[in-house]
Amino acid sequence: MDDDEFLVALNTLDEALAENQQRLKAIKKRIAQLRRLRASGASYTDIVSSGDGPLLVQLLTASSAALDTSGANVRRAEARALYAEGLTMDKIAEHFGVSRQRVSALLRKGR
C-alpha cells in the first residue's frame, strides 16, 4: 500500500495531527503562563523578551502550516484517486464543493 498516494497522504495527515496535539498542549500551557505573568504585573514586552517558552504566535503558525500542507496533500491525492477510478472532474468538484477548474488544478499539481 506504500504506492497508494491517498493512504500515504492520510498517514502524513495523521502524523501532523499528532504533532498538533502536542502543540495544542504547549499552546494551552503558554496561555496559562501568560495569564499568570500578566496577573503578576508583567508587561507583554517583558514576557516576550524573557524567552520563557515559545511564543504563542509561533505555536499557532506551526500548527496552521502543518494542517495547510497536509490538507493540501490529502485533497490532491483524493482528487487523483477519484479521477483514476473514473469520476469526472465535475463530480469530484461537486463532492469537494469547489469548481471544476480547482479540481483540474489539483490534478495537475505535483506532476
N, C-alpha and C. Protein backbone atom coordinates (compact mmCIF):
# COMPACT_ATOMS: atom_id res chain seq x y z
N MET A 1 0.80 -1.21 0.00
CA MET A 1 0.00 0.00 0.00
C MET A 1 0.84 1.27 0.00
N ASP A 2 2.17 1.15 0.02
CA ASP A 2 3.05 2.32 0.01
C ASP A 2 2.91 3.12 -1.26
N ASP A 3 2.35 2.50 -2.33
CA ASP A 3 2.20 3.22 -3.59
C ASP A 3 0.83 3.90 -3.69
N ASP A 4 0.00 3.77 -2.67
CA ASP A 4 -1.32 4.41 -2.66
C ASP A 4 -1.15 5.84 -2.13
N GLU A 5 -1.12 6.79 -3.07
CA GLU A 5 -0.86 8.19 -2.73
C GLU A 5 -1.83 8.74 -1.69
N PHE A 6 -3.08 8.34 -1.80
CA PHE A 6 -4.08 8.84 -0.86
C PHE A 6 -3.83 8.32 0.56
N LEU A 7 -3.51 7.03 0.69
CA LEU A 7 -3.23 6.48 2.02
C LEU A 7 -1.96 7.08 2.61
N VAL A 8 -0.96 7.33 1.77
CA VAL A 8 0.26 7.99 2.24
C VAL A 8 -0.07 9.38 2.76
N ALA A 9 -0.92 10.11 2.01
CA ALA A 9 -1.32 11.46 2.43
C ALA A 9 -2.11 11.41 3.74
N LEU A 10 -2.96 10.40 3.89
CA LEU A 10 -3.71 10.25 5.14
C LEU A 10 -2.78 9.96 6.32
N ASN A 11 -1.77 9.12 6.09
CA ASN A 11 -0.81 8.82 7.16
C ASN A 11 -0.04 10.06 7.56
N THR A 12 0.33 10.86 6.57
CA THR A 12 1.05 12.11 6.85
C THR A 12 0.16 13.07 7.61
N LEU A 13 -1.12 13.15 7.24
CA LEU A 13 -2.07 13.99 7.96
C LEU A 13 -2.22 13.51 9.40
N ASP A 14 -2.30 12.21 9.58
CA ASP A 14 -2.42 11.65 10.93
C ASP A 14 -1.21 12.05 11.79
N GLU A 15 -0.02 11.99 11.21
CA GLU A 15 1.18 12.41 11.92
C GLU A 15 1.14 13.90 12.26
N ALA A 16 0.69 14.71 11.31
CA ALA A 16 0.58 16.15 11.55
C ALA A 16 -0.41 16.45 12.67
N LEU A 17 -1.50 15.69 12.70
CA LEU A 17 -2.49 15.88 13.77
C LEU A 17 -1.90 15.50 15.13
N ALA A 18 -1.10 14.44 15.16
CA ALA A 18 -0.46 14.04 16.42
C ALA A 18 0.50 15.13 16.89
N GLU A 19 1.27 15.69 15.95
CA GLU A 19 2.17 16.79 16.31
C GLU A 19 1.38 18.01 16.77
N ASN A 20 0.26 18.25 16.13
CA ASN A 20 -0.58 19.39 16.53
C ASN A 20 -1.19 19.17 17.92
N GLN A 21 -1.43 17.93 18.29
CA GLN A 21 -1.92 17.67 19.64
C GLN A 21 -0.87 18.10 20.66
N GLN A 22 0.38 17.82 20.35
CA GLN A 22 1.46 18.24 21.25
C GLN A 22 1.55 19.77 21.29
N ARG A 23 1.42 20.38 20.10
CA ARG A 23 1.44 21.85 20.06
C ARG A 23 0.25 22.44 20.82
N LEU A 24 -0.90 21.79 20.73
CA LEU A 24 -2.08 22.25 21.45
C LEU A 24 -1.84 22.25 22.95
N LYS A 25 -1.19 21.21 23.44
CA LYS A 25 -0.84 21.17 24.87
C LYS A 25 0.09 22.32 25.22
N ALA A 26 1.08 22.58 24.34
CA ALA A 26 2.01 23.68 24.58
C ALA A 26 1.30 25.03 24.52
N ILE A 27 0.33 25.16 23.61
CA ILE A 27 -0.44 26.40 23.50
C ILE A 27 -1.24 26.64 24.77
N LYS A 28 -1.90 25.62 25.26
CA LYS A 28 -2.70 25.76 26.48
C LYS A 28 -1.80 26.09 27.68
N LYS A 29 -0.65 25.45 27.73
CA LYS A 29 0.30 25.73 28.81
C LYS A 29 0.79 27.18 28.71
N ARG A 30 1.08 27.63 27.50
CA ARG A 30 1.55 29.00 27.32
C ARG A 30 0.46 30.01 27.67
N ILE A 31 -0.79 29.72 27.34
CA ILE A 31 -1.90 30.61 27.69
C ILE A 31 -1.98 30.76 29.21
N ALA A 32 -1.89 29.65 29.91
CA ALA A 32 -1.94 29.71 31.38
C ALA A 32 -0.76 30.51 31.92
N GLN A 33 0.42 30.31 31.33
CA GLN A 33 1.60 31.04 31.75
C GLN A 33 1.44 32.55 31.50
N LEU A 34 0.92 32.92 30.34
CA LEU A 34 0.70 34.33 30.03
C LEU A 34 -0.28 34.97 31.00
N ARG A 35 -1.32 34.25 31.32
CA ARG A 35 -2.31 34.77 32.28
C ARG A 35 -1.67 35.00 33.65
N ARG A 36 -0.86 34.03 34.09
CA ARG A 36 -0.18 34.16 35.39
C ARG A 36 0.77 35.36 35.39
N LEU A 37 1.57 35.46 34.34
CA LEU A 37 2.54 36.55 34.27
C LEU A 37 1.85 37.91 34.22
N ARG A 38 0.78 38.01 33.47
CA ARG A 38 0.04 39.29 33.41
C ARG A 38 -0.59 39.61 34.75
N ALA A 39 -1.12 38.58 35.42
CA ALA A 39 -1.74 38.80 36.72
C ALA A 39 -0.71 39.27 37.75
N SER A 40 0.54 38.89 37.53
CA SER A 40 1.59 39.32 38.46
C SER A 40 2.17 40.68 38.08
N GLY A 41 1.63 41.27 37.00
CA GLY A 41 2.03 42.62 36.62
C GLY A 41 3.07 42.71 35.51
N ALA A 42 3.47 41.60 34.94
CA ALA A 42 4.47 41.64 33.87
C ALA A 42 3.88 42.27 32.61
N SER A 43 4.71 43.05 31.93
CA SER A 43 4.27 43.64 30.66
C SER A 43 4.45 42.61 29.55
N TYR A 44 3.75 42.83 28.44
CA TYR A 44 3.90 41.92 27.31
C TYR A 44 5.32 41.95 26.77
N THR A 45 5.93 43.12 26.77
CA THR A 45 7.32 43.24 26.33
C THR A 45 8.25 42.40 27.20
N ASP A 46 8.05 42.46 28.52
CA ASP A 46 8.86 41.65 29.43
C ASP A 46 8.64 40.17 29.20
N ILE A 47 7.41 39.79 28.97
CA ILE A 47 7.07 38.38 28.76
C ILE A 47 7.76 37.85 27.51
N VAL A 48 7.65 38.60 26.41
CA VAL A 48 8.25 38.16 25.14
C VAL A 48 9.77 38.18 25.23
N SER A 49 10.31 39.20 25.87
CA SER A 49 11.76 39.35 25.98
C SER A 49 12.41 38.31 26.88
N SER A 50 11.64 37.76 27.80
CA SER A 50 12.21 36.80 28.75
C SER A 50 12.64 35.50 28.09
N GLY A 51 12.06 35.20 26.94
CA GLY A 51 12.41 33.95 26.27
C GLY A 51 11.94 32.73 27.03
N ASP A 52 11.00 32.93 27.95
CA ASP A 52 10.49 31.85 28.78
C ASP A 52 9.38 31.12 28.03
N GLY A 53 9.75 30.15 27.24
CA GLY A 53 8.78 29.37 26.50
C GLY A 53 8.59 29.92 25.09
N PRO A 54 8.01 29.09 24.23
CA PRO A 54 7.79 29.52 22.85
C PRO A 54 6.71 30.60 22.80
N LEU A 55 6.82 31.45 21.80
CA LEU A 55 5.78 32.46 21.60
C LEU A 55 4.51 31.77 21.12
N LEU A 56 3.40 32.26 21.60
CA LEU A 56 2.11 31.70 21.21
C LEU A 56 1.93 31.76 19.70
N VAL A 57 2.31 32.88 19.11
CA VAL A 57 2.15 33.04 17.67
C VAL A 57 2.99 32.02 16.89
N GLN A 58 4.14 31.64 17.40
CA GLN A 58 4.97 30.63 16.74
C GLN A 58 4.29 29.27 16.76
N LEU A 59 3.71 28.94 17.89
CA LEU A 59 3.00 27.66 18.00
C LEU A 59 1.79 27.62 17.07
N LEU A 60 1.06 28.72 17.03
CA LEU A 60 -0.12 28.79 16.16
C LEU A 60 0.27 28.71 14.69
N THR A 61 1.33 29.39 14.32
CA THR A 61 1.80 29.37 12.93
C THR A 61 2.22 27.96 12.53
N ALA A 62 2.97 27.29 13.38
CA ALA A 62 3.42 25.93 13.09
C ALA A 62 2.24 24.98 12.95
N SER A 63 1.26 25.14 13.82
CA SER A 63 0.08 24.29 13.78
C SER A 63 -0.71 24.49 12.49
N SER A 64 -0.93 25.73 12.16
CA SER A 64 -1.67 26.07 10.94
C SER A 64 -0.94 25.59 9.69
N ALA A 65 0.36 25.80 9.64
CA ALA A 65 1.15 25.39 8.48
C ALA A 65 1.11 23.87 8.29
N ALA A 66 1.18 23.14 9.38
CA ALA A 66 1.13 21.67 9.29
C ALA A 66 -0.20 21.20 8.71
N LEU A 67 -1.28 21.80 9.16
CA LEU A 67 -2.59 21.41 8.64
C LEU A 67 -2.79 21.86 7.20
N ASP A 68 -2.30 23.05 6.86
CA ASP A 68 -2.42 23.53 5.48
C ASP A 68 -1.70 22.59 4.52
N THR A 69 -0.48 22.23 4.86
CA THR A 69 0.32 21.36 3.99
C THR A 69 -0.29 19.98 3.87
N SER A 70 -0.61 19.38 4.99
CA SER A 70 -1.19 18.03 4.97
C SER A 70 -2.55 18.03 4.30
N GLY A 71 -3.35 19.04 4.58
CA GLY A 71 -4.67 19.13 3.96
C GLY A 71 -4.59 19.24 2.45
N ALA A 72 -3.66 20.04 1.96
CA ALA A 72 -3.49 20.19 0.51
C ALA A 72 -3.07 18.86 -0.12
N ASN A 73 -2.18 18.14 0.55
CA ASN A 73 -1.75 16.84 0.03
C ASN A 73 -2.89 15.84 0.00
N VAL A 74 -3.73 15.86 1.03
CA VAL A 74 -4.87 14.94 1.07
C VAL A 74 -5.87 15.29 -0.04
N ARG A 75 -6.17 16.58 -0.20
CA ARG A 75 -7.10 16.98 -1.27
C ARG A 75 -6.60 16.54 -2.64
N ARG A 76 -5.32 16.80 -2.90
CA ARG A 76 -4.74 16.45 -4.19
C ARG A 76 -4.77 14.93 -4.41
N ALA A 77 -4.35 14.18 -3.41
CA ALA A 77 -4.30 12.72 -3.54
C ALA A 77 -5.70 12.13 -3.67
N GLU A 78 -6.66 12.68 -2.94
CA GLU A 78 -8.03 12.16 -3.04
C GLU A 78 -8.61 12.46 -4.41
N ALA A 79 -8.38 13.66 -4.91
CA ALA A 79 -8.87 14.02 -6.24
C ALA A 79 -8.28 13.09 -7.29
N ARG A 80 -6.99 12.82 -7.18
CA ARG A 80 -6.34 11.92 -8.15
C ARG A 80 -6.89 10.50 -8.06
N ALA A 81 -7.12 10.03 -6.83
CA ALA A 81 -7.65 8.68 -6.64
C ALA A 81 -9.05 8.56 -7.25
N LEU A 82 -9.88 9.55 -6.99
CA LEU A 82 -11.24 9.53 -7.54
C LEU A 82 -11.22 9.62 -9.06
N TYR A 83 -10.36 10.47 -9.60
CA TYR A 83 -10.25 10.63 -11.05
C TYR A 83 -9.75 9.33 -11.69
N ALA A 84 -8.78 8.68 -11.04
CA ALA A 84 -8.25 7.42 -11.55
C ALA A 84 -9.31 6.32 -11.56
N GLU A 85 -10.28 6.43 -10.64
CA GLU A 85 -11.35 5.45 -10.58
C GLU A 85 -12.51 5.80 -11.51
N GLY A 86 -12.37 6.88 -12.28
CA GLY A 86 -13.36 7.19 -13.30
C GLY A 86 -14.31 8.33 -12.99
N LEU A 87 -14.20 8.94 -11.83
CA LEU A 87 -15.07 10.09 -11.56
C LEU A 87 -14.64 11.26 -12.43
N THR A 88 -15.60 11.99 -12.90
CA THR A 88 -15.29 13.16 -13.72
C THR A 88 -14.85 14.31 -12.82
N MET A 89 -14.19 15.29 -13.43
CA MET A 89 -13.79 16.47 -12.67
C MET A 89 -15.01 17.19 -12.13
N ASP A 90 -16.10 17.18 -12.89
CA ASP A 90 -17.33 17.82 -12.41
C ASP A 90 -17.87 17.13 -11.16
N LYS A 91 -17.85 15.80 -11.16
CA LYS A 91 -18.35 15.06 -9.99
C LYS A 91 -17.44 15.27 -8.78
N ILE A 92 -16.13 15.26 -9.02
CA ILE A 92 -15.19 15.49 -7.92
C ILE A 92 -15.41 16.89 -7.35
N ALA A 93 -15.58 17.85 -8.24
CA ALA A 93 -15.82 19.23 -7.81
C ALA A 93 -17.08 19.32 -6.96
N GLU A 94 -18.10 18.61 -7.37
CA GLU A 94 -19.36 18.58 -6.61
C GLU A 94 -19.14 17.99 -5.21
N HIS A 95 -18.40 16.89 -5.13
CA HIS A 95 -18.11 16.26 -3.83
C HIS A 95 -17.27 17.16 -2.94
N PHE A 96 -16.29 17.85 -3.52
CA PHE A 96 -15.38 18.70 -2.75
C PHE A 96 -15.96 20.08 -2.46
N GLY A 97 -17.00 20.45 -3.20
CA GLY A 97 -17.58 21.79 -3.01
C GLY A 97 -16.71 22.89 -3.60
N VAL A 98 -16.03 22.56 -4.71
CA VAL A 98 -15.17 23.53 -5.39
C VAL A 98 -15.53 23.55 -6.87
N SER A 99 -14.85 24.41 -7.61
CA SER A 99 -15.10 24.48 -9.05
C SER A 99 -14.36 23.36 -9.80
N ARG A 100 -14.80 23.09 -11.01
CA ARG A 100 -14.14 22.12 -11.86
C ARG A 100 -12.70 22.57 -12.14
N GLN A 101 -12.50 23.87 -12.26
CA GLN A 101 -11.17 24.41 -12.51
C GLN A 101 -10.23 24.11 -11.34
N ARG A 102 -10.77 24.18 -10.12
CA ARG A 102 -9.96 23.88 -8.94
C ARG A 102 -9.55 22.41 -8.95
N VAL A 103 -10.46 21.54 -9.33
CA VAL A 103 -10.14 20.12 -9.41
C VAL A 103 -9.08 19.89 -10.48
N SER A 104 -9.22 20.55 -11.59
CA SER A 104 -8.22 20.45 -12.66
C SER A 104 -6.84 20.85 -12.15
N ALA A 105 -6.79 21.93 -11.36
CA ALA A 105 -5.52 22.38 -10.78
C ALA A 105 -4.98 21.35 -9.79
N LEU A 106 -5.85 20.75 -8.99
CA LEU A 106 -5.41 19.72 -8.05
C LEU A 106 -4.80 18.52 -8.79
N LEU A 107 -5.42 18.16 -9.89
CA LEU A 107 -4.93 17.01 -10.66
C LEU A 107 -3.60 17.31 -11.35
N ARG A 108 -3.37 18.56 -11.72
CA ARG A 108 -2.13 18.95 -12.39
C ARG A 108 -0.96 19.11 -11.44
N LYS A 109 -1.20 19.59 -10.22
CA LYS A 109 -0.11 19.90 -9.28
C LYS A 109 0.68 18.66 -8.92
N GLY A 110 2.00 18.85 -8.87
CA GLY A 110 2.88 17.78 -8.41
C GLY A 110 3.22 16.75 -9.45
N ARG A 111 2.80 16.98 -10.68
CA ARG A 111 3.13 16.02 -11.74
C ARG A 111 4.46 16.34 -12.34
